[in-house]
Amino acid sequence: MINIKKRYSYVIEYFQKHRPIAESELKYTDPYELLVAVILSAQCTDKRVNMVTPILFEKYPNPKALSIASQEEVYKIIKSISYPNNKANNLVLMANKLVKDYNSEVPDDINELQKLNGVGRKTANVITSVLFNQPNMPVDTHVFRVSWRIGLTKNAKTPLEAEKQLTKHIPKELIPIAHHWLILHGRYVCQARKPKCKECGLREVCKYYLEQNKEVKS
């Protein structure tokens, strides 16, 4: 029986050795661009977002430019992304608030970020983690699935419950990179429909793999 402490220790050591560098795959050059990209990435792939943002940022290079855009203009650029109507509206409103209330500067506080249109807890965690290296754990579908399969979380029914369990066991200084470890592992190895268990170096401690293997043997 593998206890939770041993499982976390093994997973952290594995990623430190095999993925010492782990970063967001969204392309951006400043805080404003990352904020826009993360808002667009909700229920959409980073690959698709990266295809759209160069055109968007060329036309609207800063919050001021985006704040005076029309929803229709933004929609035309991002229409290939999921929920383009809502996201176009949120982006314009977000930019307006950023200009008006924050002097066009992306805030470094989770609560302040969530006052912006289109920014929920997950997005706020991404921004504060990636930009400001704060010990916040964004839980998207990849992180939620991977942490449950491996056994890093137990009976977590919501992203917030998973977030609390992960931040309880992962050292604070490693939380920002651990977020990327789990996302990238879920994107390329522990995939939703068909996890690549044979390629995974976490088999020895993975609850999902050990349970599946036990069933096969029995």
Protein backbone atom coordinates (compact mmCIF):
# COMPACT_ATOMS: atom_id res chain seq x y z
CA MET A 1 0.00 0.00 0.00
CA ILE A 2 1.45 3.34 -1.07
CA ASN A 3 0.75 6.18 1.33
CA ILE A 4 0.05 9.69 0.15
CA LYS A 5 3.42 11.05 1.33
CA LYS A 6 5.36 8.46 -0.66
CA ARG A 7 3.22 9.03 -3.74
CA TYR A 8 3.77 12.78 -3.75
CA SER A 9 7.48 12.35 -3.10
CA TYR A 10 7.84 9.92 -6.00
CA VAL A 11 5.85 12.08 -8.42
CA ILE A 12 7.79 15.25 -7.53
CA GLU A 13 11.17 13.53 -7.84
CA TYR A 14 10.16 12.00 -11.17
CA PHE A 15 9.15 15.31 -12.70
CA GLN A 16 12.15 17.15 -11.29
CA LYS A 17 14.36 14.64 -13.06
CA HIS A 18 12.46 14.15 -16.31
CA ARG A 19 10.82 17.55 -16.78
CA PRO A 20 13.03 20.10 -14.98
CA ILE A 21 11.67 22.85 -17.23
CA ALA A 22 7.91 23.11 -17.57
CA GLU A 23 6.17 26.23 -18.83
CA SER A 24 2.91 27.39 -20.31
CA GLU A 25 2.49 26.52 -23.98
CA LEU A 26 0.50 29.69 -24.55
CA LYS A 27 2.49 32.28 -26.49
CA TYR A 28 2.68 35.75 -24.95
CA THR A 29 5.13 38.60 -24.47
CA ASP A 30 3.64 40.50 -21.53
CA PRO A 31 1.06 40.13 -18.72
CA TYR A 32 -1.76 41.59 -20.82
CA GLU A 33 -1.19 39.05 -23.59
CA LEU A 34 -1.09 36.15 -21.15
CA LEU A 35 -4.32 37.28 -19.53
CA VAL A 36 -6.06 37.45 -22.90
CA ALA A 37 -4.65 34.08 -23.95
CA VAL A 38 -5.74 32.35 -20.74
CA ILE A 39 -9.26 33.76 -21.05
CA LEU A 40 -9.40 32.43 -24.61
CA SER A 41 -8.02 29.03 -23.58
CA ALA A 42 -11.04 28.08 -21.47
CA GLN A 43 -12.38 24.84 -22.98
CA CYS A 44 -10.09 25.35 -25.95
CA THR A 45 -6.65 24.03 -26.83
CA ASP A 46 -3.53 26.15 -26.42
CA LYS A 47 -2.64 25.26 -30.01
CA ARG A 48 -5.84 26.85 -31.31
CA VAL A 49 -5.39 29.92 -29.10
CA ASN A 50 -1.83 30.40 -30.37
CA MET A 51 -3.14 30.41 -33.94
CA VAL A 52 -5.49 33.29 -33.16
CA THR A 53 -3.64 35.55 -30.74
CA PRO A 54 -0.93 36.89 -33.11
CA ILE A 55 -3.61 38.58 -35.21
CA LEU A 56 -5.51 39.72 -32.12
CA PHE A 57 -2.41 41.22 -30.47
CA GLU A 58 -1.32 42.91 -33.68
CA LYS A 59 -4.63 44.74 -33.88
CA TYR A 60 -5.03 45.26 -30.12
CA PRO A 61 -1.49 45.42 -28.65
CA ASN A 62 -2.53 46.75 -25.24
CA PRO A 63 -5.55 47.05 -22.93
CA LYS A 64 -6.40 50.55 -24.18
CA ALA A 65 -6.66 49.38 -27.79
CA LEU A 66 -8.82 46.41 -26.84
CA SER A 67 -11.03 48.50 -24.57
CA ILE A 68 -12.26 50.61 -27.49
CA ALA A 69 -12.80 47.66 -29.82
CA SER A 70 -16.27 46.43 -30.63
CA GLN A 71 -17.38 42.95 -29.69
CA GLU A 72 -18.06 42.25 -33.36
CA GLU A 73 -14.50 43.15 -34.39
CA VAL A 74 -13.01 40.88 -31.74
CA TYR A 75 -15.44 38.08 -32.60
CA LYS A 76 -14.29 38.07 -36.22
CA ILE A 77 -10.73 37.35 -35.09
CA ILE A 78 -11.50 34.72 -32.46
CA LYS A 79 -14.50 33.00 -34.08
CA SER A 80 -12.61 29.71 -34.48
CA ILE A 81 -12.22 29.48 -30.70
CA SER A 82 -14.86 27.93 -28.44
CA TYR A 83 -17.60 30.29 -27.20
CA PRO A 84 -16.39 33.22 -29.31
CA ASN A 85 -19.37 35.48 -28.59
CA ASN A 86 -18.99 35.29 -24.83
CA LYS A 87 -15.22 35.55 -24.97
CA ALA A 88 -15.27 38.54 -27.33
CA ASN A 89 -17.63 40.33 -24.98
CA ASN A 90 -15.57 39.42 -21.92
CA LEU A 91 -12.31 40.54 -23.51
CA VAL A 92 -13.62 44.02 -24.31
CA LEU A 93 -15.18 44.43 -20.86
CA MET A 94 -12.05 43.07 -19.19
CA ALA A 95 -9.87 45.57 -21.05
CA ASN A 96 -12.19 48.41 -20.09
CA LYS A 97 -11.94 47.50 -16.42
CA LEU A 98 -8.18 46.99 -16.65
CA VAL A 99 -7.76 50.50 -18.07
CA LYS A 100 -10.26 52.17 -15.76
CA ASP A 101 -9.52 50.48 -12.43
CA TYR A 102 -5.96 49.17 -12.72
CA ASN A 103 -4.16 51.72 -14.91
CA SER A 104 -3.82 49.04 -17.61
CA GLU A 105 -1.70 46.89 -15.26
CA VAL A 106 -2.61 43.24 -14.68
CA PRO A 107 -3.14 42.86 -10.90
CA ASP A 108 -1.12 40.30 -8.97
CA ASP A 109 -3.92 39.47 -6.52
CA ILE A 110 -6.33 36.56 -7.05
CA ASN A 111 -9.33 38.45 -5.69
CA GLU A 112 -8.64 41.53 -7.81
CA LEU A 113 -8.16 39.43 -10.92
CA GLN A 114 -11.53 37.76 -10.42
CA LYS A 115 -13.20 41.16 -10.64
CA LEU A 116 -12.26 41.20 -14.33
CA ASN A 117 -14.73 39.85 -16.88
CA GLY A 118 -13.95 36.32 -18.02
CA VAL A 119 -11.60 35.66 -15.10
CA GLY A 120 -12.53 32.90 -12.68
CA ARG A 121 -10.44 31.27 -9.98
CA LYS A 122 -8.58 28.99 -12.40
CA THR A 123 -7.55 31.88 -14.65
CA ALA A 124 -6.56 34.01 -11.65
CA ASN A 125 -4.43 31.14 -10.36
CA VAL A 126 -2.72 30.79 -13.73
CA ILE A 127 -1.89 34.49 -13.90
CA THR A 128 -0.54 34.73 -10.35
CA SER A 129 1.39 31.48 -10.71
CA VAL A 130 2.93 32.06 -14.14
CA LEU A 131 3.56 35.80 -13.93
CA PHE A 132 4.22 36.31 -10.24
CA ASN A 133 5.44 32.85 -9.16
CA GLN A 134 2.86 32.66 -6.38
CA PRO A 135 2.09 29.24 -4.85
CA ASN A 136 -1.31 28.93 -6.50
CA MET A 137 -2.51 25.78 -8.25
CA PRO A 138 -4.81 26.23 -11.26
CA VAL A 139 -6.96 23.13 -11.68
CA ASP A 140 -8.15 22.59 -15.24
CA THR A 141 -9.49 19.34 -16.70
CA HIS A 142 -5.96 17.94 -17.15
CA VAL A 143 -4.85 18.67 -13.59
CA PHE A 144 -8.15 17.40 -12.16
CA ARG A 145 -7.96 14.13 -14.13
CA VAL A 146 -4.26 13.43 -13.68
CA SER A 147 -4.16 14.17 -9.96
CA TRP A 148 -7.15 11.88 -9.41
CA ARG A 149 -5.78 9.05 -11.55
CA ILE A 150 -2.37 9.09 -9.94
CA GLY A 151 -3.92 9.28 -6.49
CA LEU A 152 -2.68 12.72 -5.51
CA THR A 153 -6.26 13.70 -4.72
CA LYS A 154 -8.96 11.67 -3.05
CA ASN A 155 -12.71 12.16 -3.39
CA ALA A 156 -12.22 15.65 -4.81
CA LYS A 157 -15.52 16.52 -6.48
CA THR A 158 -14.64 20.07 -7.54
CA PRO A 159 -11.54 21.86 -8.85
CA LEU A 160 -11.34 23.82 -5.59
CA GLU A 161 -11.27 20.62 -3.52
CA ALA A 162 -8.51 19.24 -5.76
CA GLU A 163 -6.60 22.53 -5.51
CA LYS A 164 -6.68 22.43 -1.71
CA GLN A 165 -5.40 18.86 -1.57
CA LEU A 166 -2.60 19.51 -4.05
CA THR A 167 -1.38 22.69 -2.37
CA LYS A 168 -1.45 20.93 1.01
CA HIS A 169 1.06 18.28 -0.10
CA ILE A 170 3.24 20.03 -2.69
CA PRO A 171 6.01 22.31 -1.30
CA LYS A 172 5.08 25.96 -1.87
CA GLU A 173 8.14 26.72 -3.97
CA LEU A 174 7.25 23.89 -6.37
CA ILE A 175 3.55 24.63 -6.85
CA PRO A 176 4.03 26.95 -9.87
CA ILE A 177 6.00 24.35 -11.83
CA ALA A 178 3.93 21.44 -10.51
CA HIS A 179 0.92 22.99 -12.19
CA HIS A 180 2.70 22.67 -15.55
CA TRP A 181 3.95 19.17 -14.77
CA LEU A 182 0.40 17.92 -14.31
CA ILE A 183 -1.01 19.79 -17.31
CA LEU A 184 1.68 18.57 -19.70
CA HIS A 185 1.46 15.03 -18.35
CA GLY A 186 -2.27 15.08 -18.96
CA ARG A 187 -1.90 16.58 -22.40
CA TYR A 188 0.71 14.17 -23.73
CA VAL A 189 0.74 11.04 -21.56
CA CYS A 190 -2.20 10.63 -19.20
CA GLN A 191 -4.74 11.51 -21.87
CA ALA A 192 -8.45 11.42 -21.18
CA ARG A 193 -9.67 8.70 -23.52
CA LYS A 194 -6.60 6.51 -23.78
CA PRO A 195 -3.83 7.11 -21.24
CA LYS A 196 -0.39 6.02 -22.44
CA CYS A 197 0.40 3.96 -19.36
CA LYS A 198 3.17 1.99 -21.07
CA GLU A 199 5.05 5.23 -21.68
CA CYS A 200 4.45 6.63 -18.20
CA GLY A 201 7.20 6.71 -15.60
CA LEU A 202 4.70 7.03 -12.75
CA ARG A 203 3.29 3.51 -13.06
CA GLU A 204 4.95 2.37 -9.85
CA VAL A 205 2.85 4.74 -7.73
CA CYS A 206 -0.13 5.47 -10.00
CA LYS A 207 -3.36 4.39 -8.35
CA TYR A 208 -5.16 4.07 -11.68
CA TYR A 209 -2.45 1.90 -13.26
CA LEU A 210 -2.05 -0.31 -10.20
CA GLU A 211 -5.80 -0.90 -10.00
CA GLN A 212 -6.07 -1.64 -13.72
CA ASN A 213 -3.10 -4.00 -13.57
CA LYS A 214 -4.57 -5.79 -10.57
CA GLU A 215 -7.80 -6.38 -12.49
CA VAL A 216 -5.92 -7.76 -15.48
CA LYS A 217 -3.92 -10.16 -13.30
CA SER A 218 -7.00 -11.38 -11.45
